[in-house]
Amino acid sequence: MAGSFTAMFLALPAPFSSRGDAQESNVAEDETGEAPRLPPDARLESLDKRLDRLQQAEAAKKAQVHGDPNYRIGQLVLSHLVGAPFGGFVVGFVLDKVLGTKPWLTLVMMFLGFGVGVMNVLRISKTPPGQNPGTDR
């Protein structure tokens, strides 16, 4: 029985032969090195047109979104006048807790924060209109 089992597999043709593919053509001989030319697909052309239209609409929308530079500078001034004293308050509060000097470091750091905020506002007000006020250029 073992002999007939091995004979059965020897009688089968090899699934992969060196003669070519199922149409008996040698793939290496048929290749030209160029991409095959397919007929244009109407769905892809429609998708390209819609994508171009949406990209143009998005670019137009982004061009309109630019805000008023004065409004942006006002927000920057406000953030400096609020953020610097608040930061000084937090640092002073933590130092008061650590060192046990209850209100004094909080008050000193908060007033120091006010001073830093006012100095930042003065620096922002001295920048020419065409430049970004947050940079030193």
C-alpha atoms as a PDB file:
ATOM      1  CA  MET A   1       0.000   0.000   0.000  1.00  0.00           C
ATOM      2  CA  ALA A   2       2.843   2.403   0.711  1.00  0.00           C
ATOM      3  CA  GLY A   3       4.214   1.907  -2.791  1.00  0.00           C
ATOM      4  CA  SER A   4       0.903   2.822  -4.444  1.00  0.00           C
ATOM      5  CA  PHE A   5       0.644   5.952  -2.273  1.00  0.00           C
ATOM      6  CA  THR A   6       3.987   7.310  -3.440  1.00  0.00           C
ATOM      7  CA  ALA A   7       3.244   6.365  -7.028  1.00  0.00           C
ATOM      8  CA  MET A   8       0.051   8.409  -6.867  1.00  0.00           C
ATOM      9  CA  PHE A   9       2.020  11.576  -6.020  1.00  0.00           C
ATOM     10  CA  LEU A  10       4.690  10.887  -8.598  1.00  0.00           C
ATOM     11  CA  ALA A  11       2.065  10.614 -11.339  1.00  0.00           C
ATOM     12  CA  LEU A  12       0.628  14.092 -10.647  1.00  0.00           C
ATOM     13  CA  PRO A  13       1.958  16.912 -12.800  1.00  0.00           C
ATOM     14  CA  ALA A  14       3.920  19.609 -11.029  1.00  0.00           C
ATOM     15  CA  PRO A  15       1.714  22.673 -10.358  1.00  0.00           C
ATOM     16  CA  PHE A  16       4.575  25.082 -11.057  1.00  0.00           C
ATOM     17  CA  SER A  17       6.579  24.374 -14.113  1.00  0.00           C
ATOM     18  CA  SER A  18       9.176  26.441 -15.886  1.00  0.00           C
ATOM     19  CA  ARG A  19       7.128  26.529 -19.099  1.00  0.00           C
ATOM     20  CA  GLY A  20       5.057  29.634 -18.182  1.00  0.00           C
ATOM     21  CA  ASP A  21       1.628  30.472 -16.839  1.00  0.00           C
ATOM     22  CA  ALA A  22      -1.772  28.863 -17.500  1.00  0.00           C
ATOM     23  CA  GLN A  23      -1.943  30.254 -21.062  1.00  0.00           C
ATOM     24  CA  GLU A  24       1.414  28.655 -21.842  1.00  0.00           C
ATOM     25  CA  SER A  25       3.007  32.093 -22.305  1.00  0.00           C
ATOM     26  CA  ASN A  26       6.320  32.969 -20.764  1.00  0.00           C
ATOM     27  CA  VAL A  27       5.744  36.043 -18.605  1.00  0.00           C
ATOM     28  CA  ALA A  28       9.333  37.229 -18.849  1.00  0.00           C
ATOM     29  CA  GLU A  29       9.125  37.377 -22.637  1.00  0.00           C
ATOM     30  CA  ASP A  30       5.857  39.369 -22.649  1.00  0.00           C
ATOM     31  CA  GLU A  31       6.951  42.187 -20.343  1.00  0.00           C
ATOM     32  CA  THR A  32       7.828  45.469 -22.036  1.00  0.00           C
ATOM     33  CA  GLY A  33       8.795  47.380 -18.922  1.00  0.00           C
ATOM     34  CA  GLU A  34       5.926  49.878 -19.328  1.00  0.00           C
ATOM     35  CA  ALA A  35       2.793  50.225 -17.271  1.00  0.00           C
ATOM     36  CA  PRO A  36      -0.210  48.740 -19.053  1.00  0.00           C
ATOM     37  CA  ARG A  37      -2.493  51.292 -20.674  1.00  0.00           C
ATOM     38  CA  LEU A  38      -5.958  51.035 -19.239  1.00  0.00           C
ATOM     39  CA  PRO A  39      -8.991  52.848 -20.577  1.00  0.00           C
ATOM     40  CA  PRO A  40      -9.878  55.944 -18.520  1.00  0.00           C
ATOM     41  CA  ASP A  41     -12.374  55.265 -15.793  1.00  0.00           C
ATOM     42  CA  ALA A  42     -15.214  57.784 -15.589  1.00  0.00           C
ATOM     43  CA  ARG A  43     -15.527  57.253 -11.835  1.00  0.00           C
ATOM     44  CA  LEU A  44     -11.879  58.176 -11.236  1.00  0.00           C
ATOM     45  CA  GLU A  45     -12.158  61.260 -13.443  1.00  0.00           C
ATOM     46  CA  SER A  46     -15.284  62.336 -11.562  1.00  0.00           C
ATOM     47  CA  LEU A  47     -13.511  61.774  -8.251  1.00  0.00           C
ATOM     48  CA  ASP A  48     -10.515  63.842  -9.413  1.00  0.00           C
ATOM     49  CA  LYS A  49     -12.808  66.703 -10.465  1.00  0.00           C
ATOM     50  CA  ARG A  50     -14.671  66.667  -7.155  1.00  0.00           C
ATOM     51  CA  LEU A  51     -11.417  66.521  -5.200  1.00  0.00           C
ATOM     52  CA  ASP A  52     -10.010  69.502  -7.122  1.00  0.00           C
ATOM     53  CA  ARG A  53     -13.214  71.465  -6.538  1.00  0.00           C
ATOM     54  CA  LEU A  54     -13.150  70.715  -2.791  1.00  0.00           C
ATOM     55  CA  GLN A  55      -9.465  71.612  -2.489  1.00  0.00           C
ATOM     56  CA  GLN A  56     -10.104  74.953  -4.194  1.00  0.00           C
ATOM     57  CA  ALA A  57     -13.055  75.628  -1.876  1.00  0.00           C
ATOM     58  CA  GLU A  58     -10.915  74.766   1.171  1.00  0.00           C
ATOM     59  CA  ALA A  59      -8.124  77.087  -0.017  1.00  0.00           C
ATOM     60  CA  ALA A  60     -10.640  79.918  -0.488  1.00  0.00           C
ATOM     61  CA  LYS A  61     -12.054  79.278   2.976  1.00  0.00           C
ATOM     62  CA  LYS A  62      -8.581  79.397   4.563  1.00  0.00           C
ATOM     63  CA  ALA A  63      -7.822  82.660   2.785  1.00  0.00           C
ATOM     64  CA  GLN A  64     -10.926  84.256   4.334  1.00  0.00           C
ATOM     65  CA  VAL A  65     -10.235  82.991   7.881  1.00  0.00           C
ATOM     66  CA  HIS A  66      -7.264  85.304   8.571  1.00  0.00           C
ATOM     67  CA  GLY A  67      -8.270  87.377  11.564  1.00  0.00           C
ATOM     68  CA  ASP A  68      -7.681  90.995  12.352  1.00  0.00           C
ATOM     69  CA  PRO A  69      -4.068  91.470  13.519  1.00  0.00           C
ATOM     70  CA  ASN A  70      -5.177  94.114  16.032  1.00  0.00           C
ATOM     71  CA  TYR A  71      -7.533  91.612  17.632  1.00  0.00           C
ATOM     72  CA  ARG A  72      -4.674  89.098  17.903  1.00  0.00           C
ATOM     73  CA  ILE A  73      -2.396  91.715  19.496  1.00  0.00           C
ATOM     74  CA  GLY A  74      -5.169  92.611  21.957  1.00  0.00           C
ATOM     75  CA  GLN A  75      -5.485  88.974  22.964  1.00  0.00           C
ATOM     76  CA  LEU A  76      -1.726  88.781  23.439  1.00  0.00           C
ATOM     77  CA  VAL A  77      -1.706  91.895  25.664  1.00  0.00           C
ATOM     78  CA  LEU A  78      -4.617  90.569  27.712  1.00  0.00           C
ATOM     79  CA  SER A  79      -2.949  87.188  28.176  1.00  0.00           C
ATOM     80  CA  HIS A  80       0.241  88.863  29.421  1.00  0.00           C
ATOM     81  CA  LEU A  81      -1.635  91.143  31.829  1.00  0.00           C
ATOM     82  CA  VAL A  82      -3.589  88.212  33.286  1.00  0.00           C
ATOM     83  CA  GLY A  83      -1.093  85.351  32.946  1.00  0.00           C
ATOM     84  CA  ALA A  84       1.996  86.953  34.449  1.00  0.00           C
ATOM     85  CA  PRO A  85       0.349  87.985  37.767  1.00  0.00           C
ATOM     86  CA  PHE A  86      -1.430  84.635  37.988  1.00  0.00           C
ATOM     87  CA  GLY A  87       1.835  82.797  37.448  1.00  0.00           C
ATOM     88  CA  GLY A  88       3.497  84.958  40.098  1.00  0.00           C
ATOM     89  CA  PHE A  89       0.618  84.223  42.480  1.00  0.00           C
ATOM     90  CA  VAL A  90       0.964  80.456  41.979  1.00  0.00           C
ATOM     91  CA  VAL A  91       4.744  80.472  42.434  1.00  0.00           C
ATOM     92  CA  GLY A  92       4.458  82.716  45.507  1.00  0.00           C
ATOM     93  CA  PHE A  93       1.729  80.551  47.011  1.00  0.00           C
ATOM     94  CA  VAL A  94       3.817  77.398  46.610  1.00  0.00           C
ATOM     95  CA  LEU A  95       6.884  79.095  48.075  1.00  0.00           C
ATOM     96  CA  ASP A  96       4.784  80.367  51.010  1.00  0.00           C
ATOM     97  CA  LYS A  97       3.594  76.817  51.707  1.00  0.00           C
ATOM     98  CA  VAL A  98       7.127  75.419  51.549  1.00  0.00           C
ATOM     99  CA  LEU A  99       8.875  78.195  53.509  1.00  0.00           C
ATOM    100  CA  GLY A 100       6.030  79.072  55.889  1.00  0.00           C
ATOM    101  CA  THR A 101       5.933  82.809  55.084  1.00  0.00           C
ATOM    102  CA  LYS A 102       2.165  82.821  54.609  1.00  0.00           C
ATOM    103  CA  PRO A 103       1.134  85.913  52.599  1.00  0.00           C
ATOM    104  CA  TRP A 104       4.401  87.711  51.883  1.00  0.00           C
ATOM    105  CA  LEU A 105       5.929  85.719  49.022  1.00  0.00           C
ATOM    106  CA  THR A 106       2.523  85.430  47.367  1.00  0.00           C
ATOM    107  CA  LEU A 107       2.114  89.208  47.384  1.00  0.00           C
ATOM    108  CA  VAL A 108       5.693  89.878  46.261  1.00  0.00           C
ATOM    109  CA  MET A 109       5.548  87.370  43.398  1.00  0.00           C
ATOM    110  CA  MET A 110       2.114  88.616  42.301  1.00  0.00           C
ATOM    111  CA  PHE A 111       3.338  92.225  42.091  1.00  0.00           C
ATOM    112  CA  LEU A 112       6.475  91.017  40.343  1.00  0.00           C
ATOM    113  CA  GLY A 113       4.149  89.266  37.871  1.00  0.00           C
ATOM    114  CA  PHE A 114       2.286  92.548  37.296  1.00  0.00           C
ATOM    115  CA  GLY A 115       5.616  94.226  36.564  1.00  0.00           C
ATOM    116  CA  VAL A 116       6.600  91.520  34.087  1.00  0.00           C
ATOM    117  CA  GLY A 117       3.184  91.748  32.403  1.00  0.00           C
ATOM    118  CA  VAL A 118       3.469  95.529  32.003  1.00  0.00           C
ATOM    119  CA  MET A 119       7.013  95.176  30.613  1.00  0.00           C
ATOM    120  CA  ASN A 120       5.732  92.631  28.071  1.00  0.00           C
ATOM    121  CA  VAL A 121       2.902  94.974  27.053  1.00  0.00           C
ATOM    122  CA  LEU A 122       5.407  97.792  26.540  1.00  0.00           C
ATOM    123  CA  ARG A 123       7.581  95.478  24.436  1.00  0.00           C
ATOM    124  CA  ILE A 124       4.566  94.471  22.345  1.00  0.00           C
ATOM    125  CA  SER A 125       3.526  98.095  21.851  1.00  0.00           C
ATOM    126  CA  LYS A 126       6.983  99.012  20.490  1.00  0.00           C
ATOM    127  CA  THR A 127       6.921  96.436  17.675  1.00  0.00           C
ATOM    128  CA  PRO A 128       6.235  97.788  14.169  1.00  0.00           C
ATOM    129  CA  PRO A 129       2.811  96.921  12.707  1.00  0.00           C
ATOM    130  CA  GLY A 130       4.073  94.396  10.133  1.00  0.00           C
ATOM    131  CA  GLN A 131       5.927  92.096  12.535  1.00  0.00           C
ATOM    132  CA  ASN A 132       4.778  89.465  14.965  1.00  0.00           C
ATOM    133  CA  PRO A 133       4.797  91.000  18.453  1.00  0.00           C
ATOM    134  CA  GLY A 134       5.798  87.759  20.175  1.00  0.00           C
ATOM    135  CA  THR A 135       9.178  87.502  18.439  1.00  0.00           C
ATOM    136  CA  ASP A 136      12.365  89.545  18.707  1.00  0.00           C
ATOM    137  CA  ARG A 137      12.911  90.218  15.001  1.00  0.00           C
END
